[in-house]
């Protein structure tokens, strides 16, 4: 049975594909789980200038800024939940912060997305501050704000470190995305 599509344009034309982002693949979800495991295992060990990198945040910013909102949300939830199950943060705090960061990055992409090489670095800096603010808020809600968590004086150095990591990984991410992602069609 052959089904034809007749829309307002008339004739047999295929339906338009939603340009909101690329498709979310099983490989992407598996890589997000690996990033969550790497974050839980390596982030407490790696220390640069008395701060630890947030590898989930770096991955979420890169995926959201390069591949789009849909894959960014999937990576934020999957990698955040995986990392959250392996560390001693309150359950749901990392996915909540990463989902917020993904929304911020996708929202800012509409205004500053033409700065292709600078925007992801700026988004990582602002997203890191926002993620730390969400995490501090969650710790305050559960009553552990001063026992465990992120000291407030380390928020800006952590944001600089995360932005620097995004800057280092941006070019390789664009190369991989250019080879694996489908061709984008012009909006005009």
C-alpha atoms as a PDB file:
ATOM      1  CA  UNK A   1       0.000   0.000   0.000  1.00  0.00           C
ATOM      2  CA  UNK A   2       1.427   3.376  -1.006  1.00  0.00           C
ATOM      3  CA  UNK A   3       0.372   6.407   0.969  1.00  0.00           C
ATOM      4  CA  UNK A   4       0.743   9.777  -0.667  1.00  0.00           C
ATOM      5  CA  UNK A   5       0.879  13.090   1.088  1.00  0.00           C
ATOM      6  CA  UNK A   6      -1.212  15.892  -0.325  1.00  0.00           C
ATOM      7  CA  UNK A   7      -0.875  19.061   1.636  1.00  0.00           C
ATOM      8  CA  UNK A   8      -1.503  22.703   0.945  1.00  0.00           C
ATOM      9  CA  UNK A   9       1.204  22.696  -1.692  1.00  0.00           C
ATOM     10  CA  UNK A  10      -0.707  20.152  -3.754  1.00  0.00           C
ATOM     11  CA  UNK A  11       0.723  17.114  -5.471  1.00  0.00           C
ATOM     12  CA  UNK A  12       2.683  14.289  -3.933  1.00  0.00           C
ATOM     13  CA  UNK A  13       5.272  15.870  -1.672  1.00  0.00           C
ATOM     14  CA  UNK A  14       6.885  14.283   1.370  1.00  0.00           C
ATOM     15  CA  UNK A  15       6.041  15.872   4.725  1.00  0.00           C
ATOM     16  CA  UNK A  16       8.485  18.422   6.044  1.00  0.00           C
ATOM     17  CA  UNK A  17      11.002  17.358   8.622  1.00  0.00           C
ATOM     18  CA  UNK A  18      11.049  19.340  11.862  1.00  0.00           C
ATOM     19  CA  UNK A  19      14.197  21.505  11.816  1.00  0.00           C
ATOM     20  CA  UNK A  20      14.299  21.692  15.642  1.00  0.00           C
ATOM     21  CA  UNK A  21      17.339  19.447  15.913  1.00  0.00           C
ATOM     22  CA  UNK A  22      18.750  16.122  14.882  1.00  0.00           C
ATOM     23  CA  UNK A  23      17.305  12.778  15.792  1.00  0.00           C
ATOM     24  CA  UNK A  24      18.208  11.233  19.135  1.00  0.00           C
ATOM     25  CA  UNK A  25      19.954   7.917  18.579  1.00  0.00           C
ATOM     26  CA  UNK A  26      20.608   4.956  20.814  1.00  0.00           C
ATOM     27  CA  UNK A  27      24.312   5.593  20.402  1.00  0.00           C
ATOM     28  CA  UNK A  28      23.858   9.123  21.725  1.00  0.00           C
ATOM     29  CA  UNK A  29      22.015   7.849  24.782  1.00  0.00           C
ATOM     30  CA  UNK A  30      24.737   5.243  25.385  1.00  0.00           C
ATOM     31  CA  UNK A  31      27.414   7.951  25.121  1.00  0.00           C
ATOM     32  CA  UNK A  32      25.450  10.056  27.600  1.00  0.00           C
ATOM     33  CA  UNK A  33      25.490   7.169  30.073  1.00  0.00           C
ATOM     34  CA  UNK A  34      29.260   6.842  29.563  1.00  0.00           C
ATOM     35  CA  UNK A  35      29.683  10.586  30.209  1.00  0.00           C
ATOM     36  CA  UNK A  36      27.643  10.238  33.412  1.00  0.00           C
ATOM     37  CA  UNK A  37      29.876   7.383  34.569  1.00  0.00           C
ATOM     38  CA  UNK A  38      33.029   9.330  33.657  1.00  0.00           C
ATOM     39  CA  UNK A  39      31.729  12.339  35.569  1.00  0.00           C
ATOM     40  CA  UNK A  40      31.064  10.275  38.674  1.00  0.00           C
ATOM     41  CA  UNK A  41      34.459   8.565  38.472  1.00  0.00           C
ATOM     42  CA  UNK A  42      36.817  11.279  37.194  1.00  0.00           C
ATOM     43  CA  UNK A  43      35.371  14.573  38.329  1.00  0.00           C
ATOM     44  CA  UNK A  44      36.165  14.069  42.031  1.00  0.00           C
ATOM     45  CA  UNK A  45      39.730  13.050  41.120  1.00  0.00           C
ATOM     46  CA  UNK A  46      40.559  15.831  38.644  1.00  0.00           C
ATOM     47  CA  UNK A  47      41.300  19.133  40.345  1.00  0.00           C
ATOM     48  CA  UNK A  48      42.462  22.310  38.636  1.00  0.00           C
ATOM     49  CA  UNK A  49      43.011  25.396  40.810  1.00  0.00           C
ATOM     50  CA  UNK A  50      40.997  23.835  43.663  1.00  0.00           C
ATOM     51  CA  UNK A  51      37.907  23.221  41.475  1.00  0.00           C
ATOM     52  CA  UNK A  52      36.562  20.072  39.877  1.00  0.00           C
ATOM     53  CA  UNK A  53      35.249  20.064  36.288  1.00  0.00           C
ATOM     54  CA  UNK A  54      31.626  19.242  35.594  1.00  0.00           C
ATOM     55  CA  UNK A  55      31.917  16.792  32.707  1.00  0.00           C
ATOM     56  CA  UNK A  56      28.153  16.365  32.371  1.00  0.00           C
ATOM     57  CA  UNK A  57      27.731  20.121  31.989  1.00  0.00           C
ATOM     58  CA  UNK A  58      30.461  20.249  29.356  1.00  0.00           C
ATOM     59  CA  UNK A  59      28.793  17.452  27.372  1.00  0.00           C
ATOM     60  CA  UNK A  60      25.318  18.975  27.677  1.00  0.00           C
ATOM     61  CA  UNK A  61      26.507  22.406  26.511  1.00  0.00           C
ATOM     62  CA  UNK A  62      28.392  20.918  23.565  1.00  0.00           C
ATOM     63  CA  UNK A  63      25.560  18.641  22.465  1.00  0.00           C
ATOM     64  CA  UNK A  64      22.882  21.309  22.863  1.00  0.00           C
ATOM     65  CA  UNK A  65      24.850  24.001  21.049  1.00  0.00           C
ATOM     66  CA  UNK A  66      26.018  21.735  18.206  1.00  0.00           C
ATOM     67  CA  UNK A  67      23.184  19.218  17.713  1.00  0.00           C
ATOM     68  CA  UNK A  68      20.137  21.085  19.036  1.00  0.00           C
ATOM     69  CA  UNK A  69      17.591  21.156  21.821  1.00  0.00           C
ATOM     70  CA  UNK A  70      16.194  17.607  21.512  1.00  0.00           C
ATOM     71  CA  UNK A  71      19.507  15.786  21.826  1.00  0.00           C
ATOM     72  CA  UNK A  72      20.600  18.283  24.507  1.00  0.00           C
ATOM     73  CA  UNK A  73      17.597  17.476  26.701  1.00  0.00           C
ATOM     74  CA  UNK A  74      18.136  13.737  26.213  1.00  0.00           C
ATOM     75  CA  UNK A  75      21.814  14.055  27.125  1.00  0.00           C
ATOM     76  CA  UNK A  76      21.012  16.287  30.121  1.00  0.00           C
ATOM     77  CA  UNK A  77      18.558  13.823  31.579  1.00  0.00           C
ATOM     78  CA  UNK A  78      20.454  10.624  30.776  1.00  0.00           C
ATOM     79  CA  UNK A  79      23.960  11.738  31.739  1.00  0.00           C
ATOM     80  CA  UNK A  80      22.647  13.690  34.735  1.00  0.00           C
ATOM     81  CA  UNK A  81      20.638  10.761  36.074  1.00  0.00           C
ATOM     82  CA  UNK A  82      23.518   8.342  35.541  1.00  0.00           C
ATOM     83  CA  UNK A  83      25.935  10.613  37.398  1.00  0.00           C
ATOM     84  CA  UNK A  84      23.364  11.296  40.106  1.00  0.00           C
ATOM     85  CA  UNK A  85      22.881   7.594  40.774  1.00  0.00           C
ATOM     86  CA  UNK A  86      26.638   7.169  41.300  1.00  0.00           C
ATOM     87  CA  UNK A  87      27.389  10.189  43.533  1.00  0.00           C
ATOM     88  CA  UNK A  88      25.961  11.232  46.881  1.00  0.00           C
ATOM     89  CA  UNK A  89      24.056  14.315  45.747  1.00  0.00           C
ATOM     90  CA  UNK A  90      20.308  14.440  46.409  1.00  0.00           C
ATOM     91  CA  UNK A  91      18.509  12.323  43.838  1.00  0.00           C
ATOM     92  CA  UNK A  92      17.427  14.384  40.863  1.00  0.00           C
ATOM     93  CA  UNK A  93      19.632  17.404  41.550  1.00  0.00           C
ATOM     94  CA  UNK A  94      22.072  16.814  38.681  1.00  0.00           C
ATOM     95  CA  UNK A  95      19.410  16.063  36.027  1.00  0.00           C
ATOM     96  CA  UNK A  96      17.408  19.101  37.171  1.00  0.00           C
ATOM     97  CA  UNK A  97      20.434  21.375  36.888  1.00  0.00           C
ATOM     98  CA  UNK A  98      21.447  19.928  33.515  1.00  0.00           C
ATOM     99  CA  UNK A  99      17.930  20.233  32.090  1.00  0.00           C
ATOM    100  CA  UNK A 100      17.934  23.880  33.173  1.00  0.00           C
ATOM    101  CA  UNK A 101      21.322  24.384  31.510  1.00  0.00           C
ATOM    102  CA  UNK A 102      20.105  22.748  28.303  1.00  0.00           C
ATOM    103  CA  UNK A 103      17.090  25.067  28.205  1.00  0.00           C
ATOM    104  CA  UNK A 104      19.349  28.086  28.810  1.00  0.00           C
ATOM    105  CA  UNK A 105      21.754  27.046  26.063  1.00  0.00           C
ATOM    106  CA  UNK A 106      18.967  26.395  23.560  1.00  0.00           C
ATOM    107  CA  UNK A 107      17.229  29.657  24.454  1.00  0.00           C
ATOM    108  CA  UNK A 108      20.415  31.678  24.154  1.00  0.00           C
ATOM    109  CA  UNK A 109      21.185  30.008  20.859  1.00  0.00           C
ATOM    110  CA  UNK A 110      18.283  31.863  19.276  1.00  0.00           C
ATOM    111  CA  UNK A 111      19.797  35.218  20.250  1.00  0.00           C
ATOM    112  CA  UNK A 112      23.535  34.527  20.077  1.00  0.00           C
ATOM    113  CA  UNK A 113      23.707  31.396  17.927  1.00  0.00           C
ATOM    114  CA  UNK A 114      25.466  33.168  15.075  1.00  0.00           C
ATOM    115  CA  UNK A 115      28.582  33.386  17.255  1.00  0.00           C
ATOM    116  CA  UNK A 116      29.290  29.765  16.376  1.00  0.00           C
ATOM    117  CA  UNK A 117      32.718  29.521  18.000  1.00  0.00           C
ATOM    118  CA  UNK A 118      32.220  31.901  20.920  1.00  0.00           C
ATOM    119  CA  UNK A 119      28.673  31.112  21.996  1.00  0.00           C
ATOM    120  CA  UNK A 120      29.270  27.571  23.385  1.00  0.00           C
ATOM    121  CA  UNK A 121      32.104  28.902  25.568  1.00  0.00           C
ATOM    122  CA  UNK A 122      29.921  31.729  26.868  1.00  0.00           C
ATOM    123  CA  UNK A 123      27.036  29.287  27.342  1.00  0.00           C
ATOM    124  CA  UNK A 124      29.272  26.960  29.364  1.00  0.00           C
ATOM    125  CA  UNK A 125      30.339  29.835  31.613  1.00  0.00           C
ATOM    126  CA  UNK A 126      26.783  31.027  32.276  1.00  0.00           C
ATOM    127  CA  UNK A 127      25.419  27.475  32.377  1.00  0.00           C
ATOM    128  CA  UNK A 128      27.996  26.472  34.965  1.00  0.00           C
ATOM    129  CA  UNK A 129      26.965  29.348  37.221  1.00  0.00           C
ATOM    130  CA  UNK A 130      23.282  28.476  36.714  1.00  0.00           C
ATOM    131  CA  UNK A 131      23.881  24.763  37.415  1.00  0.00           C
ATOM    132  CA  UNK A 132      25.795  25.592  40.598  1.00  0.00           C
ATOM    133  CA  UNK A 133      22.989  27.927  41.686  1.00  0.00           C
ATOM    134  CA  UNK A 134      20.401  25.171  41.122  1.00  0.00           C
ATOM    135  CA  UNK A 135      22.566  22.672  42.987  1.00  0.00           C
ATOM    136  CA  UNK A 136      23.087  25.075  45.905  1.00  0.00           C
ATOM    137  CA  UNK A 137      19.330  25.663  45.994  1.00  0.00           C
ATOM    138  CA  UNK A 138      18.632  21.939  46.124  1.00  0.00           C
ATOM    139  CA  UNK A 139      21.187  21.466  48.905  1.00  0.00           C
ATOM    140  CA  UNK A 140      19.592  24.315  50.833  1.00  0.00           C
ATOM    141  CA  UNK A 141      16.145  22.729  50.422  1.00  0.00           C
ATOM    142  CA  UNK A 142      17.301  19.388  51.787  1.00  0.00           C
ATOM    143  CA  UNK A 143      19.239  21.029  54.626  1.00  0.00           C
ATOM    144  CA  UNK A 144      22.766  20.042  53.590  1.00  0.00           C
ATOM    145  CA  UNK A 145      23.835  23.394  52.143  1.00  0.00           C
ATOM    146  CA  UNK A 146      26.851  23.871  54.348  1.00  0.00           C
ATOM    147  CA  UNK A 147      27.847  20.262  55.043  1.00  0.00           C
ATOM    148  CA  UNK A 148      28.106  19.008  51.463  1.00  0.00           C
ATOM    149  CA  UNK A 149      27.917  20.898  48.229  1.00  0.00           C
ATOM    150  CA  UNK A 150      29.635  23.631  46.329  1.00  0.00           C
ATOM    151  CA  UNK A 151      31.338  26.421  48.256  1.00  0.00           C
ATOM    152  CA  UNK A 152      30.058  29.718  46.882  1.00  0.00           C
ATOM    153  CA  UNK A 153      33.579  31.130  46.360  1.00  0.00           C
ATOM    154  CA  UNK A 154      34.374  28.336  43.880  1.00  0.00           C
ATOM    155  CA  UNK A 155      31.429  29.021  41.535  1.00  0.00           C
ATOM    156  CA  UNK A 156      33.270  31.480  39.268  1.00  0.00           C
ATOM    157  CA  UNK A 157      36.531  29.483  39.037  1.00  0.00           C
ATOM    158  CA  UNK A 158      34.476  26.372  38.203  1.00  0.00           C
ATOM    159  CA  UNK A 159      32.646  28.314  35.495  1.00  0.00           C
ATOM    160  CA  UNK A 160      35.962  29.420  33.981  1.00  0.00           C
ATOM    161  CA  UNK A 161      37.277  25.839  34.077  1.00  0.00           C
ATOM    162  CA  UNK A 162      34.138  24.410  32.445  1.00  0.00           C
ATOM    163  CA  UNK A 163      34.175  27.121  29.766  1.00  0.00           C
ATOM    164  CA  UNK A 164      37.848  26.379  29.050  1.00  0.00           C
ATOM    165  CA  UNK A 165      37.106  22.668  28.663  1.00  0.00           C
ATOM    166  CA  UNK A 166      34.257  23.468  26.268  1.00  0.00           C
ATOM    167  CA  UNK A 167      36.625  25.720  24.316  1.00  0.00           C
ATOM    168  CA  UNK A 168      39.132  22.891  24.001  1.00  0.00           C
ATOM    169  CA  UNK A 169      36.533  20.323  22.945  1.00  0.00           C
ATOM    170  CA  UNK A 170      34.473  22.533  20.628  1.00  0.00           C
ATOM    171  CA  UNK A 171      36.513  21.987  17.455  1.00  0.00           C
ATOM    172  CA  UNK A 172      36.689  18.162  17.811  1.00  0.00           C
ATOM    173  CA  UNK A 173      32.952  18.097  18.601  1.00  0.00           C
ATOM    174  CA  UNK A 174      32.170  20.098  15.464  1.00  0.00           C
ATOM    175  CA  UNK A 175      34.323  17.730  13.377  1.00  0.00           C
ATOM    176  CA  UNK A 176      32.541  14.650  14.736  1.00  0.00           C
ATOM    177  CA  UNK A 177      29.115  16.260  14.379  1.00  0.00           C
ATOM    178  CA  UNK A 178      29.918  17.296  10.826  1.00  0.00           C
ATOM    179  CA  UNK A 179      30.688  13.735   9.873  1.00  0.00           C
ATOM    180  CA  UNK A 180      27.870  12.024  11.751  1.00  0.00           C
ATOM    181  CA  UNK A 181      24.996  14.508  11.699  1.00  0.00           C
ATOM    182  CA  UNK A 182      22.746  14.682   8.653  1.00  0.00           C
ATOM    183  CA  UNK A 183      23.004  17.632   6.298  1.00  0.00           C
ATOM    184  CA  UNK A 184      21.251  20.748   7.536  1.00  0.00           C
ATOM    185  CA  UNK A 185      18.929  22.571   5.213  1.00  0.00           C
ATOM    186  CA  UNK A 186      18.946  26.334   5.004  1.00  0.00           C
ATOM    187  CA  UNK A 187      16.121  28.072   6.843  1.00  0.00           C
ATOM    188  CA  UNK A 188      15.438  30.327   3.901  1.00  0.00           C
END
